[in-house]
PDB file of N, CA and C in Angstrom:
ATOM      1  N   MET A   1      15.646   7.824 -18.648  1.00  0.00           N
ATOM      2  CA  MET A   1      14.622   8.847 -18.737  1.00  0.00           C
ATOM      3  C   MET A   1      14.805   9.818 -17.576  1.00  0.00           C
ATOM      4  N   SER A   2      14.662  11.093 -17.848  1.00  0.00           N
ATOM      5  CA  SER A   2      14.871  12.118 -16.830  1.00  0.00           C
ATOM      6  C   SER A   2      13.606  12.358 -16.008  1.00  0.00           C
ATOM      7  N   LEU A   3      13.778  13.029 -14.882  1.00  0.00           N
ATOM      8  CA  LEU A   3      12.643  13.391 -14.038  1.00  0.00           C
ATOM      9  C   LEU A   3      11.659  14.257 -14.818  1.00  0.00           C
ATOM     10  N   GLU A   4      12.180  15.209 -15.583  1.00  0.00           N
ATOM     11  CA  GLU A   4      11.323  16.092 -16.382  1.00  0.00           C
ATOM     12  C   GLU A   4      10.456  15.269 -17.334  1.00  0.00           C
ATOM     13  N   ARG A   5      11.079  14.355 -18.016  1.00  0.00           N
ATOM     14  CA  ARG A   5      10.353  13.521 -18.978  1.00  0.00           C
ATOM     15  C   ARG A   5       9.332  12.627 -18.273  1.00  0.00           C
ATOM     16  N   ASP A   6       9.698  12.092 -17.110  1.00  0.00           N
ATOM     17  CA  ASP A   6       8.771  11.257 -16.337  1.00  0.00           C
ATOM     18  C   ASP A   6       7.540  12.052 -15.906  1.00  0.00           C
ATOM     19  N   ILE A   7       7.753  13.274 -15.439  1.00  0.00           N
ATOM     20  CA  ILE A   7       6.626  14.107 -15.002  1.00  0.00           C
ATOM     21  C   ILE A   7       5.736  14.448 -16.192  1.00  0.00           C
ATOM     22  N   ARG A   8       6.346  14.857 -17.296  1.00  0.00           N
ATOM     23  CA  ARG A   8       5.550  15.193 -18.491  1.00  0.00           C
ATOM     24  C   ARG A   8       4.790  13.977 -19.012  1.00  0.00           C
ATOM     25  N   MET A   9       5.423  12.823 -19.004  1.00  0.00           N
ATOM     26  CA  MET A   9       4.775  11.600 -19.478  1.00  0.00           C
ATOM     27  C   MET A   9       3.601  11.239 -18.565  1.00  0.00           C
ATOM     28  N   ALA A  10       3.774  11.408 -17.258  1.00  0.00           N
ATOM     29  CA  ALA A  10       2.678  11.135 -16.321  1.00  0.00           C
ATOM     30  C   ALA A  10       1.510  12.083 -16.577  1.00  0.00           C
ATOM     31  N   ILE A  11       1.806  13.357 -16.846  1.00  0.00           N
ATOM     32  CA  ILE A  11       0.754  14.333 -17.127  1.00  0.00           C
ATOM     33  C   ILE A  11       0.034  13.985 -18.434  1.00  0.00           C
ATOM     34  N   GLU A  12       0.789  13.573 -19.448  1.00  0.00           N
ATOM     35  CA  GLU A  12       0.212  13.283 -20.760  1.00  0.00           C
ATOM     36  C   GLU A  12      -0.542  11.953 -20.812  1.00  0.00           C
ATOM     37  N   THR A  13      -0.036  10.927 -20.133  1.00  0.00           N
ATOM     38  CA  THR A  13      -0.615   9.591 -20.297  1.00  0.00           C
ATOM     39  C   THR A  13      -1.264   9.036 -19.037  1.00  0.00           C
ATOM     40  N   GLY A  14      -1.051   9.670 -17.906  1.00  0.00           N
ATOM     41  CA  GLY A  14      -1.608   9.173 -16.654  1.00  0.00           C
ATOM     42  C   GLY A  14      -2.667  10.103 -16.107  1.00  0.00           C
ATOM     43  N   LYS A  15      -2.862  10.031 -14.802  1.00  0.00           N
ATOM     44  CA  LYS A  15      -3.807  10.917 -14.115  1.00  0.00           C
ATOM     45  C   LYS A  15      -3.034  11.659 -13.033  1.00  0.00           C
ATOM     46  N   VAL A  16      -2.896  12.967 -13.221  1.00  0.00           N
ATOM     47  CA  VAL A  16      -2.136  13.810 -12.310  1.00  0.00           C
ATOM     48  C   VAL A  16      -3.038  14.927 -11.813  1.00  0.00           C
ATOM     49  N   ILE A  17      -3.021  15.141 -10.509  1.00  0.00           N
ATOM     50  CA  ILE A  17      -3.794  16.203  -9.877  1.00  0.00           C
ATOM     51  C   ILE A  17      -2.833  17.354  -9.598  1.00  0.00           C
ATOM     52  N   ILE A  18      -3.213  18.556 -10.020  1.00  0.00           N
ATOM     53  CA  ILE A  18      -2.367  19.728  -9.799  1.00  0.00           C
ATOM     54  C   ILE A  18      -3.081  20.686  -8.863  1.00  0.00           C
ATOM     55  N   GLY A  19      -2.347  21.142  -7.843  1.00  0.00           N
ATOM     56  CA  GLY A  19      -2.893  22.101  -6.889  1.00  0.00           C
ATOM     57  C   GLY A  19      -3.060  21.478  -5.519  1.00  0.00           C
ATOM     58  N   SER A  20      -2.859  22.292  -4.497  1.00  0.00           N
ATOM     59  CA  SER A  20      -2.875  21.777  -3.132  1.00  0.00           C
ATOM     60  C   SER A  20      -4.261  21.339  -2.672  1.00  0.00           C
ATOM     61  N   GLU A  21      -5.304  22.095  -2.999  1.00  0.00           N
ATOM     62  CA  GLU A  21      -6.640  21.734  -2.538  1.00  0.00           C
ATOM     63  C   GLU A  21      -7.116  20.418  -3.150  1.00  0.00           C
ATOM     64  N   ARG A  22      -6.952  20.285  -4.453  1.00  0.00           N
ATOM     65  CA  ARG A  22      -7.377  19.050  -5.128  1.00  0.00           C
ATOM     66  C   ARG A  22      -6.522  17.858  -4.681  1.00  0.00           C
ATOM     67  N   THR A  23      -5.219  18.106  -4.505  1.00  0.00           N
ATOM     68  CA  THR A  23      -4.330  17.030  -4.079  1.00  0.00           C
ATOM     69  C   THR A  23      -4.693  16.570  -2.670  1.00  0.00           C
ATOM     70  N   LEU A  24      -4.955  17.519  -1.767  1.00  0.00           N
ATOM     71  CA  LEU A  24      -5.353  17.147  -0.405  1.00  0.00           C
ATOM     72  C   LEU A  24      -6.648  16.347  -0.403  1.00  0.00           C
ATOM     73  N   LYS A  25      -7.610  16.745  -1.207  1.00  0.00           N
ATOM     74  CA  LYS A  25      -8.881  16.027  -1.286  1.00  0.00           C
ATOM     75  C   LYS A  25      -8.650  14.586  -1.728  1.00  0.00           C
ATOM     76  N   GLU A  26      -7.858  14.395  -2.762  1.00  0.00           N
ATOM     77  CA  GLU A  26      -7.565  13.046  -3.257  1.00  0.00           C
ATOM     78  C   GLU A  26      -6.742  12.251  -2.247  1.00  0.00           C
ATOM     79  N   LEU A  27      -5.841  12.933  -1.566  1.00  0.00           N
ATOM     80  CA  LEU A  27      -5.000  12.288  -0.565  1.00  0.00           C
ATOM     81  C   LEU A  27      -5.840  11.791   0.609  1.00  0.00           C
ATOM     82  N   LYS A  28      -6.794  12.594   1.039  1.00  0.00           N
ATOM     83  CA  LYS A  28      -7.693  12.199   2.140  1.00  0.00           C
ATOM     84  C   LYS A  28      -8.519  10.983   1.754  1.00  0.00           C
ATOM     85  N   GLY A  29      -8.844  10.876   0.481  1.00  0.00           N
ATOM     86  CA  GLY A  29      -9.602   9.722  -0.001  1.00  0.00           C
ATOM     87  C   GLY A  29      -8.735   8.495  -0.248  1.00  0.00           C
ATOM     88  N   GLY A  30      -7.424   8.655  -0.117  1.00  0.00           N
ATOM     89  CA  GLY A  30      -6.506   7.535  -0.309  1.00  0.00           C
ATOM     90  C   GLY A  30      -6.327   7.150  -1.770  1.00  0.00           C
ATOM     91  N   ASP A  31      -6.554   8.107  -2.674  1.00  0.00           N
ATOM     92  CA  ASP A  31      -6.534   7.807  -4.096  1.00  0.00           C
ATOM     93  C   ASP A  31      -5.219   8.112  -4.807  1.00  0.00           C
ATOM     94  N   LEU A  32      -4.213   8.564  -4.085  1.00  0.00           N
ATOM     95  CA  LEU A  32      -2.952   8.940  -4.732  1.00  0.00           C
ATOM     96  C   LEU A  32      -1.866   7.908  -4.465  1.00  0.00           C
ATOM     97  N   LYS A  33      -0.960   7.791  -5.435  1.00  0.00           N
ATOM     98  CA  LYS A  33       0.172   6.872  -5.301  1.00  0.00           C
ATOM     99  C   LYS A  33       1.457   7.607  -4.946  1.00  0.00           C
ATOM    100  N   LEU A  34       1.476   8.920  -5.198  1.00  0.00           N
ATOM    101  CA  LEU A  34       2.663   9.736  -4.927  1.00  0.00           C
ATOM    102  C   LEU A  34       2.251  11.197  -4.893  1.00  0.00           C
ATOM    103  N   VAL A  35       2.882  11.965  -4.007  1.00  0.00           N
ATOM    104  CA  VAL A  35       2.682  13.410  -3.962  1.00  0.00           C
ATOM    105  C   VAL A  35       4.044  14.069  -4.137  1.00  0.00           C
ATOM    106  N   ILE A  36       4.089  15.103  -4.982  1.00  0.00           N
ATOM    107  CA  ILE A  36       5.309  15.874  -5.202  1.00  0.00           C
ATOM    108  C   ILE A  36       5.070  17.274  -4.663  1.00  0.00           C
ATOM    109  N   VAL A  37       5.988  17.755  -3.802  1.00  0.00           N
ATOM    110  CA  VAL A  37       5.850  19.054  -3.154  1.00  0.00           C
ATOM    111  C   VAL A  37       7.081  19.902  -3.466  1.00  0.00           C
ATOM    112  N   ALA A  38       6.857  21.120  -3.978  1.00  0.00           N
ATOM    113  CA  ALA A  38       7.957  22.052  -4.258  1.00  0.00           C
ATOM    114  C   ALA A  38       8.574  22.523  -2.948  1.00  0.00           C
ATOM    115  N   ASN A  39       9.858  22.897  -2.992  1.00  0.00           N
ATOM    116  CA  ASN A  39      10.539  23.273  -1.748  1.00  0.00           C
ATOM    117  C   ASN A  39      10.050  24.593  -1.158  1.00  0.00           C
ATOM    118  N   ASN A  40       9.358  25.434  -1.925  1.00  0.00           N
ATOM    119  CA  ASN A  40       8.839  26.678  -1.361  1.00  0.00           C
ATOM    120  C   ASN A  40       7.325  26.631  -1.145  1.00  0.00           C
ATOM    121  N   CYS A  41       6.784  25.429  -1.067  1.00  0.00           N
ATOM    122  CA  CYS A  41       5.365  25.263  -0.751  1.00  0.00           C
ATOM    123  C   CYS A  41       5.135  25.822   0.654  1.00  0.00           C
ATOM    124  N   PRO A  42       4.033  26.559   0.881  1.00  0.00           N
ATOM    125  CA  PRO A  42       3.764  27.102   2.219  1.00  0.00           C
ATOM    126  C   PRO A  42       3.766  26.008   3.286  1.00  0.00           C
ATOM    127  N   GLU A  43       4.310  26.334   4.438  1.00  0.00           N
ATOM    128  CA  GLU A  43       4.489  25.348   5.515  1.00  0.00           C
ATOM    129  C   GLU A  43       3.176  24.711   5.956  1.00  0.00           C
ATOM    130  N   ASN A  44       2.088  25.495   6.024  1.00  0.00           N
ATOM    131  CA  ASN A  44       0.813  24.922   6.471  1.00  0.00           C
ATOM    132  C   ASN A  44       0.293  23.878   5.484  1.00  0.00           C
ATOM    133  N   ILE A  45       0.485  24.115   4.207  1.00  0.00           N
ATOM    134  CA  ILE A  45       0.064  23.142   3.188  1.00  0.00           C
ATOM    135  C   ILE A  45       0.962  21.913   3.239  1.00  0.00           C
ATOM    136  N   LYS A  46       2.265  22.150   3.376  1.00  0.00           N
ATOM    137  CA  LYS A  46       3.226  21.040   3.465  1.00  0.00           C
ATOM    138  C   LYS A  46       2.896  20.151   4.667  1.00  0.00           C
ATOM    139  N   ALA A  47       2.551  20.774   5.794  1.00  0.00           N
ATOM    140  CA  ALA A  47       2.217  20.011   7.001  1.00  0.00           C
ATOM    141  C   ALA A  47       0.955  19.175   6.788  1.00  0.00           C
ATOM    142  N   ASP A  48      -0.069  19.755   6.147  1.00  0.00           N
ATOM    143  CA  ASP A  48      -1.292  19.004   5.858  1.00  0.00           C
ATOM    144  C   ASP A  48      -1.015  17.831   4.925  1.00  0.00           C
ATOM    145  N   ILE A  49      -0.227  18.079   3.888  1.00  0.00           N
ATOM    146  CA  ILE A  49       0.116  17.019   2.932  1.00  0.00           C
ATOM    147  C   ILE A  49       0.823  15.878   3.665  1.00  0.00           C
ATOM    148  N   GLU A  50       1.817  16.217   4.466  1.00  0.00           N
ATOM    149  CA  GLU A  50       2.588  15.190   5.168  1.00  0.00           C
ATOM    150  C   GLU A  50       1.717  14.418   6.159  1.00  0.00           C
ATOM    151  N   TYR A  51       0.801  15.111   6.834  1.00  0.00           N
ATOM    152  CA  TYR A  51      -0.093  14.457   7.792  1.00  0.00           C
ATOM    153  C   TYR A  51      -0.971  13.418   7.097  1.00  0.00           C
ATOM    154  N   TYR A  52      -1.664  13.845   6.051  1.00  0.00           N
ATOM    155  CA  TYR A  52      -2.578  12.927   5.354  1.00  0.00           C
ATOM    156  C   TYR A  52      -1.826  11.864   4.553  1.00  0.00           C
ATOM    157  N   ALA A  53      -0.633  12.180   4.093  1.00  0.00           N
ATOM    158  CA  ALA A  53       0.179  11.184   3.387  1.00  0.00           C
ATOM    159  C   ALA A  53       0.593  10.074   4.350  1.00  0.00           C
ATOM    160  N   LYS A  54       0.910  10.461   5.568  1.00  0.00           N
ATOM    161  CA  LYS A  54       1.304   9.463   6.570  1.00  0.00           C
ATOM    162  C   LYS A  54       0.129   8.537   6.888  1.00  0.00           C
ATOM    163  N   ILE A  55      -1.058   9.116   7.031  1.00  0.00           N
ATOM    164  CA  ILE A  55      -2.257   8.318   7.323  1.00  0.00           C
ATOM    165  C   ILE A  55      -2.560   7.354   6.181  1.00  0.00           C
ATOM    166  N   SER A  56      -2.454   7.853   4.946  1.00  0.00           N
ATOM    167  CA  SER A  56      -2.792   7.018   3.784  1.00  0.00           C
ATOM    168  C   SER A  56      -1.605   6.214   3.256  1.00  0.00           C
ATOM    169  N   LYS A  57      -0.451   6.364   3.918  1.00  0.00           N
ATOM    170  CA  LYS A  57       0.777   5.659   3.511  1.00  0.00           C
ATOM    171  C   LYS A  57       1.157   5.959   2.064  1.00  0.00           C
ATOM    172  N   THR A  58       1.040   7.239   1.701  1.00  0.00           N
ATOM    173  CA  THR A  58       1.390   7.709   0.362  1.00  0.00           C
ATOM    174  C   THR A  58       2.760   8.372   0.423  1.00  0.00           C
ATOM    175  N   PRO A  59       3.697   7.975  -0.429  1.00  0.00           N
ATOM    176  CA  PRO A  59       5.012   8.616  -0.415  1.00  0.00           C
ATOM    177  C   PRO A  59       4.926  10.079  -0.852  1.00  0.00           C
ATOM    178  N   VAL A  60       5.752  10.906  -0.223  1.00  0.00           N
ATOM    179  CA  VAL A  60       5.848  12.326  -0.573  1.00  0.00           C
ATOM    180  C   VAL A  60       7.274  12.581  -1.048  1.00  0.00           C
ATOM    181  N   TYR A  61       7.392  13.136  -2.244  1.00  0.00           N
ATOM    182  CA  TYR A  61       8.698  13.490  -2.789  1.00  0.00           C
ATOM    183  C   TYR A  61       8.867  14.987  -2.675  1.00  0.00           C
ATOM    184  N   ARG A  62       9.938  15.422  -2.023  1.00  0.00           N
ATOM    185  CA  ARG A  62      10.238  16.850  -1.878  1.00  0.00           C
ATOM    186  C   ARG A  62      11.078  17.278  -3.076  1.00  0.00           C
ATOM    187  N   PHE A  63      10.419  17.964  -3.995  1.00  0.00           N
ATOM    188  CA  PHE A  63      11.054  18.420  -5.220  1.00  0.00           C
ATOM    189  C   PHE A  63      12.103  19.471  -4.892  1.00  0.00           C
ATOM    190  N   ASP A  64      13.301  19.309  -5.411  1.00  0.00           N
ATOM    191  CA  ASP A  64      14.405  20.228  -5.136  1.00  0.00           C
ATOM    192  C   ASP A  64      14.356  21.399  -6.113  1.00  0.00           C
ATOM    193  N   GLY A  65      13.343  22.216  -5.950  1.00  0.00           N
ATOM    194  CA  GLY A  65      13.143  23.387  -6.794  1.00  0.00           C
ATOM    195  C   GLY A  65      11.897  24.125  -6.333  1.00  0.00           C
ATOM    196  N   THR A  66      11.688  25.294  -6.883  1.00  0.00           N
ATOM    197  CA  THR A  66      10.548  26.111  -6.481  1.00  0.00           C
ATOM    198  C   THR A  66       9.281  25.680  -7.217  1.00  0.00           C
ATOM    199  N   ASN A  67       8.170  26.299  -6.821  1.00  0.00           N
ATOM    200  CA  ASN A  67       6.908  26.018  -7.503  1.00  0.00           C
ATOM    201  C   ASN A  67       6.975  26.467  -8.969  1.00  0.00           C
ATOM    202  N   ARG A  68       7.738  27.490  -9.227  1.00  0.00           N
ATOM    203  CA  ARG A  68       7.931  27.936 -10.615  1.00  0.00           C
ATOM    204  C   ARG A  68       8.688  26.865 -11.403  1.00  0.00           C
ATOM    205  N   ASP A  69       9.761  26.331 -10.801  1.00  0.00           N
ATOM    206  CA  ASP A  69      10.542  25.270 -11.447  1.00  0.00           C
ATOM    207  C   ASP A  69       9.671  24.048 -11.748  1.00  0.00           C
ATOM    208  N   LEU A  70       8.816  23.686 -10.797  1.00  0.00           N
ATOM    209  CA  LEU A  70       7.948  22.521 -10.981  1.00  0.00           C
ATOM    210  C   LEU A  70       6.923  22.781 -12.084  1.00  0.00           C
ATOM    211  N   GLY A  71       6.411  23.998 -12.160  1.00  0.00           N
ATOM    212  CA  GLY A  71       5.495  24.357 -13.238  1.00  0.00           C
ATOM    213  C   GLY A  71       6.159  24.254 -14.598  1.00  0.00           C
ATOM    214  N   VAL A  72       7.371  24.807 -14.707  1.00  0.00           N
ATOM    215  CA  VAL A  72       8.127  24.745 -15.969  1.00  0.00           C
ATOM    216  C   VAL A  72       8.444  23.288 -16.314  1.00  0.00           C
ATOM    217  N   LEU A  73       8.899  22.533 -15.335  1.00  0.00           N
ATOM    218  CA  LEU A  73       9.233  21.125 -15.547  1.00  0.00           C
ATOM    219  C   LEU A  73       8.021  20.339 -16.034  1.00  0.00           C
ATOM    220  N   SER A  74       6.847  20.729 -15.567  1.00  0.00           N
ATOM    221  CA  SER A  74       5.610  20.049 -15.942  1.00  0.00           C
ATOM    222  C   SER A  74       5.079  20.498 -17.291  1.00  0.00           C
ATOM    223  N   GLY A  75       5.694  21.531 -17.856  1.00  0.00           N
ATOM    224  CA  GLY A  75       5.228  22.043 -19.141  1.00  0.00           C
ATOM    225  C   GLY A  75       3.995  22.907 -19.009  1.00  0.00           C
ATOM    226  N   LYS A  76       3.750  23.432 -17.814  1.00  0.00           N
ATOM    227  CA  LYS A  76       2.586  24.266 -17.564  1.00  0.00           C
ATOM    228  C   LYS A  76       3.006  25.733 -17.476  1.00  0.00           C
ATOM    229  N   PRO A  77       2.122  26.659 -17.889  1.00  0.00           N
ATOM    230  CA  PRO A  77       2.461  28.083 -17.861  1.00  0.00           C
ATOM    231  C   PRO A  77       2.133  28.751 -16.523  1.00  0.00           C
ATOM    232  N   PHE A  78       2.181  27.981 -15.436  1.00  0.00           N
ATOM    233  CA  PHE A  78       1.890  28.534 -14.113  1.00  0.00           C
ATOM    234  C   PHE A  78       2.689  27.779 -13.054  1.00  0.00           C
ATOM    235  N   ASN A  79       2.751  28.353 -11.851  1.00  0.00           N
ATOM    236  CA  ASN A  79       3.480  27.733 -10.747  1.00  0.00           C
ATOM    237  C   ASN A  79       2.689  26.554 -10.188  1.00  0.00           C
ATOM    238  N   ILE A  80       3.418  25.511  -9.773  1.00  0.00           N
ATOM    239  CA  ILE A  80       2.799  24.333  -9.171  1.00  0.00           C
ATOM    240  C   ILE A  80       3.541  24.019  -7.869  1.00  0.00           C
ATOM    241  N   SER A  81       2.847  24.166  -6.741  1.00  0.00           N
ATOM    242  CA  SER A  81       3.460  23.858  -5.447  1.00  0.00           C
ATOM    243  C   SER A  81       3.300  22.389  -5.082  1.00  0.00           C
ATOM    244  N   VAL A  82       2.168  21.797  -5.499  1.00  0.00           N
ATOM    245  CA  VAL A  82       1.853  20.419  -5.129  1.00  0.00           C
ATOM    246  C   VAL A  82       1.203  19.716  -6.316  1.00  0.00           C
ATOM    247  N   MET A  83       1.601  18.481  -6.523  1.00  0.00           N
ATOM    248  CA  MET A  83       0.913  17.646  -7.516  1.00  0.00           C
ATOM    249  C   MET A  83       0.812  16.231  -6.972  1.00  0.00           C
ATOM    250  N   GLY A  84      -0.271  15.579  -7.320  1.00  0.00           N
ATOM    251  CA  GLY A  84      -0.494  14.210  -6.890  1.00  0.00           C
ATOM    252  C   GLY A  84      -0.596  13.293  -8.091  1.00  0.00           C
ATOM    253  N   ILE A  85      -0.001  12.133  -7.989  1.00  0.00           N
ATOM    254  CA  ILE A  85      -0.038  11.147  -9.075  1.00  0.00           C
ATOM    255  C   ILE A  85      -1.058  10.077  -8.707  1.00  0.00           C
ATOM    256  N   LYS A  86      -2.132   9.985  -9.496  1.00  0.00           N
ATOM    257  CA  LYS A  86      -3.136   8.933  -9.316  1.00  0.00           C
ATOM    258  C   LYS A  86      -2.744   7.706 -10.124  1.00  0.00           C
ATOM    259  N   GLU A  87      -2.366   7.947 -11.378  1.00  0.00           N
ATOM    260  CA  GLU A  87      -1.895   6.890 -12.263  1.00  0.00           C
ATOM    261  C   GLU A  87      -0.714   7.426 -13.046  1.00  0.00           C
ATOM    262  N   ALA A  88       0.335   6.648 -13.133  1.00  0.00           N
ATOM    263  CA  ALA A  88       1.561   7.103 -13.788  1.00  0.00           C
ATOM    264  C   ALA A  88       1.495   7.014 -15.306  1.00  0.00           C
ATOM    265  N   GLY A  89       0.541   6.293 -15.842  1.00  0.00           N
ATOM    266  CA  GLY A  89       0.483   6.121 -17.294  1.00  0.00           C
ATOM    267  C   GLY A  89       1.716   5.382 -17.775  1.00  0.00           C
ATOM    268  N   GLU A  90       2.339   5.892 -18.822  1.00  0.00           N
ATOM    269  CA  GLU A  90       3.531   5.253 -19.395  1.00  0.00           C
ATOM    270  C   GLU A  90       4.823   5.735 -18.738  1.00  0.00           C
ATOM    271  N   SER A  91       4.701   6.531 -17.698  1.00  0.00           N
ATOM    272  CA  SER A  91       5.850   7.097 -17.003  1.00  0.00           C
ATOM    273  C   SER A  91       6.421   6.125 -15.967  1.00  0.00           C
ATOM    274  N   ASN A  92       7.696   6.268 -15.683  1.00  0.00           N
ATOM    275  CA  ASN A  92       8.359   5.499 -14.625  1.00  0.00           C
ATOM    276  C   ASN A  92       8.469   6.317 -13.340  1.00  0.00           C
ATOM    277  N   ILE A  93       7.682   7.373 -13.206  1.00  0.00           N
ATOM    278  CA  ILE A  93       7.827   8.306 -12.096  1.00  0.00           C
ATOM    279  C   ILE A  93       7.623   7.645 -10.737  1.00  0.00           C
ATOM    280  N   LEU A  94       6.693   6.734 -10.630  1.00  0.00           N
ATOM    281  CA  LEU A  94       6.457   6.090  -9.330  1.00  0.00           C
ATOM    282  C   LEU A  94       7.675   5.293  -8.893  1.00  0.00           C
ATOM    283  N   LYS A  95       8.243   4.548  -9.799  1.00  0.00           N
ATOM    284  CA  LYS A  95       9.435   3.775  -9.484  1.00  0.00           C
ATOM    285  C   LYS A  95      10.609   4.698  -9.166  1.00  0.00           C
ATOM    286  N   ARG A  96      10.804   5.699 -10.003  1.00  0.00           N
ATOM    287  CA  ARG A  96      11.932   6.625  -9.838  1.00  0.00           C
ATOM    288  C   ARG A  96      11.858   7.377  -8.494  1.00  0.00           C
ATOM    289  N   LEU A  97      10.719   7.953  -8.182  1.00  0.00           N
ATOM    290  CA  LEU A  97      10.630   8.828  -7.014  1.00  0.00           C
ATOM    291  C   LEU A  97      10.360   8.085  -5.716  1.00  0.00           C
ATOM    292  N   THR A  98       9.716   6.953  -5.741  1.00  0.00           N
ATOM    293  CA  THR A  98       9.518   6.232  -4.497  1.00  0.00           C
ATOM    294  C   THR A  98      10.792   5.542  -4.048  1.00  0.00           C
ATOM    295  N   GLU A  99      11.690   5.254  -4.972  1.00  0.00           N
ATOM    296  CA  GLU A  99      13.006   4.705  -4.599  1.00  0.00           C
ATOM    297  C   GLU A  99      13.860   5.765  -3.918  1.00  0.00           C
ATOM    298  N   VAL A 100      13.662   7.045  -4.302  1.00  0.00           N
ATOM    299  CA  VAL A 100      14.460   8.146  -3.780  1.00  0.00           C
ATOM    300  C   VAL A 100      13.982   8.595  -2.414  1.00  0.00           C
ATOM    301  N   SER A 101      12.631   8.637  -2.208  1.00  0.00           N
ATOM    302  CA  SER A 101      12.101   9.209  -0.955  1.00  0.00           C
ATOM    303  C   SER A 101      12.211   8.295   0.219  1.00  0.00           C
TER     304      SER A 101
END
């Protein structure tokens, strides 16, 4: 299964948070299992994500593509700089990306 398919499956069957503000809120609460950050995410947001991820011991995957690429990969008609995975659903994304990071 490809990364694209894993992300789409997580969005369709799991619980995925899209957007930096919502992801940070969930991350501060310790409710995320994985955070995905696009490579052109603003530095201040990336720093906040990494800080709170370290505190909550949540893995952060640095997506090798832009926010536009991540939006397209997710099947969404908009750019996505940050997404958080609460539940993977039927996807193998947690296994796939936590092994890589």
